[in-house]
Amino acid sequence: MRALIQRCKAAHVSIEGEIVGQIEHGLVVLLGLGRDDTLDKGKKLLDKILKYRVFTDEYGKMGCSVQQVSGGVLLISQFTLYAQTQKGLRPDFAPAMPPIAAEQLYQQLVDYLKSQYEPVATGIFAADMQVQLINDGPVTFMLEVE
């Protein structure tokens, strides 16, 4: 399981011009699910994201988590994070979890995240979404769990 996290000043996701999820300052989390990923792996990754220190503390260091700064989390499914790109000129998505299983796991992870923290916003699984954010820093990290 992979998550690309970006610290933001504000972000929203829209579908056909309608905003379906938005946050003020916080984290945009693009979540990729691989073929062998499980709910337990996802919980571990989400717990790490909530505690990951990427916000500035009183010393000017990255010493605070999204929880400590009362930021929002915008969680977006992103199967392209599992693309194989080493060969050729077209990405291969074979390592990504198949759509039906991925949608079920993604919804379980959304439910888990919302049970652990608020505010949480999301897009709509497999929809053609437009994500807009004001990247803060920019600060971007790739997190993975095996």
Protein backbone atom coordinates (compact mmCIF):
# COMPACT_ATOMS: atom_id res chain seq x y z
CA MET A 1 0.00 0.00 0.00
CA ARG A 2 1.29 3.41 -0.95
CA ALA A 3 0.28 6.92 -0.01
CA LEU A 4 1.56 10.12 -1.54
CA ILE A 5 0.92 12.82 1.06
CA GLN A 6 1.05 16.54 0.39
CA ARG A 7 0.83 19.27 3.01
CA CYS A 8 -1.66 21.87 1.86
CA LYS A 9 -3.13 25.21 2.85
CA ALA A 10 -6.47 24.16 1.29
CA ALA A 11 -7.71 21.49 -1.11
CA HIS A 12 -10.83 20.23 -2.78
CA VAL A 13 -11.90 17.51 -5.17
CA SER A 14 -14.60 18.05 -7.76
CA ILE A 15 -16.48 15.91 -10.25
CA GLU A 16 -18.04 17.55 -13.29
CA GLY A 17 -17.54 20.95 -11.68
CA GLU A 18 -19.21 20.04 -8.37
CA ILE A 19 -17.08 19.98 -5.21
CA VAL A 20 -17.56 16.61 -3.47
CA GLY A 21 -14.91 16.96 -0.76
CA GLN A 22 -12.79 19.77 0.65
CA ILE A 23 -10.52 20.66 3.54
CA GLU A 24 -8.76 23.74 4.82
CA HIS A 25 -5.13 23.26 5.85
CA GLY A 26 -4.03 19.67 6.25
CA LEU A 27 -3.00 16.72 4.10
CA VAL A 28 -4.02 15.54 0.65
CA VAL A 29 -3.51 11.77 0.65
CA LEU A 30 -3.41 9.92 -2.67
CA LEU A 31 -3.85 6.25 -1.73
CA GLY A 32 -2.73 3.39 -3.97
CA LEU A 33 -3.83 -0.18 -3.29
CA GLY A 34 -1.74 -3.11 -4.48
CA ARG A 35 -2.91 -6.65 -5.20
CA ASP A 36 -1.82 -8.03 -1.82
CA ASP A 37 -2.95 -5.16 0.37
CA THR A 38 -5.21 -5.74 3.37
CA LEU A 39 -7.31 -3.78 5.82
CA ASP A 40 -4.65 -4.29 8.51
CA LYS A 41 -1.97 -2.80 6.25
CA GLY A 42 -4.25 0.11 5.50
CA LYS A 43 -4.97 0.80 9.15
CA LYS A 44 -1.24 0.78 9.86
CA LEU A 45 -0.59 3.25 7.03
CA LEU A 46 -3.44 5.58 8.00
CA ASP A 47 -2.32 5.59 11.63
CA LYS A 48 1.17 6.54 10.44
CA ILE A 49 -0.22 9.34 8.26
CA LEU A 50 -2.17 10.81 11.18
CA LYS A 51 0.98 10.86 13.32
CA TYR A 52 3.53 11.74 10.61
CA ARG A 53 5.22 15.00 11.55
CA VAL A 54 5.20 17.29 8.51
CA PHE A 55 3.84 20.53 10.00
CA THR A 56 6.01 23.24 11.46
CA ASP A 57 6.38 23.39 15.24
CA GLU A 58 7.36 26.35 17.43
CA TYR A 59 11.04 25.76 16.56
CA GLY A 60 10.49 25.95 12.80
CA LYS A 61 11.01 22.19 12.37
CA MET A 62 8.66 19.54 11.04
CA GLY A 63 7.58 18.49 14.50
CA CYS A 64 3.77 18.39 14.37
CA SER A 65 1.30 15.94 12.89
CA VAL A 66 -1.96 16.73 11.13
CA GLN A 67 -3.71 15.83 14.38
CA GLN A 68 -1.62 18.28 16.39
CA VAL A 69 -2.44 21.17 14.04
CA SER A 70 -6.14 20.16 13.74
CA GLY A 71 -5.78 19.88 9.98
CA GLY A 72 -8.06 18.09 7.57
CA VAL A 73 -7.36 14.95 5.54
CA LEU A 74 -8.52 14.68 1.94
CA LEU A 75 -8.26 10.98 1.00
CA ILE A 76 -8.34 10.14 -2.71
CA SER A 77 -8.01 6.68 -4.29
CA GLN A 78 -5.13 6.64 -6.79
CA PHE A 79 -4.48 3.31 -8.53
CA THR A 80 -1.83 4.90 -10.76
CA LEU A 81 0.58 4.89 -7.79
CA TYR A 82 1.04 1.18 -8.59
CA ALA A 83 1.96 1.68 -12.23
CA GLN A 84 5.05 -0.13 -13.45
CA THR A 85 6.99 2.48 -15.40
CA GLN A 86 10.45 0.98 -15.78
CA LYS A 87 9.95 -0.36 -19.31
CA GLY A 88 8.28 1.09 -22.35
CA LEU A 89 6.28 4.25 -22.82
CA ARG A 90 2.95 3.14 -21.40
CA PRO A 91 2.32 2.46 -17.69
CA ASP A 92 1.37 -1.09 -16.70
CA PHE A 93 -1.22 -1.26 -13.91
CA ALA A 94 -1.02 -5.03 -13.28
CA PRO A 95 0.31 -4.56 -9.71
CA ALA A 96 -2.74 -2.48 -8.70
CA MET A 97 -5.61 -4.14 -6.86
CA PRO A 98 -8.52 -5.02 -9.17
CA PRO A 99 -11.31 -2.41 -9.07
CA ILE A 100 -14.04 -4.35 -7.22
CA ALA A 101 -11.73 -5.43 -4.40
CA ALA A 102 -10.06 -2.01 -4.33
CA GLU A 103 -13.37 -0.19 -3.95
CA GLN A 104 -14.37 -2.41 -1.03
CA LEU A 105 -11.02 -1.96 0.72
CA TYR A 106 -10.95 1.78 0.03
CA GLN A 107 -14.39 2.22 1.62
CA GLN A 108 -13.30 0.22 4.67
CA LEU A 109 -10.24 2.47 4.97
CA VAL A 110 -12.36 5.63 4.65
CA ASP A 111 -14.64 4.33 7.41
CA TYR A 112 -11.64 3.50 9.59
CA LEU A 113 -10.02 6.90 9.07
CA LYS A 114 -13.27 8.71 9.88
CA SER A 115 -13.58 6.64 13.07
CA GLN A 116 -10.08 7.74 14.12
CA TYR A 117 -10.04 11.38 13.09
CA GLU A 118 -12.07 14.32 11.77
CA PRO A 119 -12.25 16.24 9.52
CA VAL A 120 -11.88 13.74 6.68
CA ALA A 121 -13.09 14.37 3.13
CA THR A 122 -12.94 12.08 0.10
CA GLY A 123 -13.55 11.89 -3.58
CA ILE A 124 -15.63 9.19 -5.26
CA PHE A 125 -13.93 5.92 -6.07
CA ALA A 126 -13.08 5.47 -9.78
CA ALA A 127 -14.65 8.79 -10.75
CA ASP A 128 -12.93 11.24 -13.07
CA MET A 129 -11.90 13.72 -10.38
CA GLN A 130 -10.13 17.04 -10.41
CA VAL A 131 -8.08 17.71 -7.29
CA GLN A 132 -7.03 21.27 -6.56
CA LEU A 133 -4.73 22.20 -3.74
CA ILE A 134 -2.51 24.95 -2.52
CA ASN A 135 0.62 22.94 -1.78
CA ASP A 136 2.26 24.21 1.40
CA GLY A 137 6.05 24.19 1.14
CA PRO A 138 5.82 22.25 -1.11
CA VAL A 139 6.01 19.28 1.25
CA THR A 140 5.38 15.87 -0.35
CA PHE A 141 6.23 12.38 0.91
CA MET A 142 5.68 8.81 -0.32
CA LEU A 143 4.77 6.42 2.50
CA GLU A 144 4.50 2.65 2.08
CA VAL A 145 3.69 -0.38 4.18
CA GLU A 146 4.52 -3.92 3.16
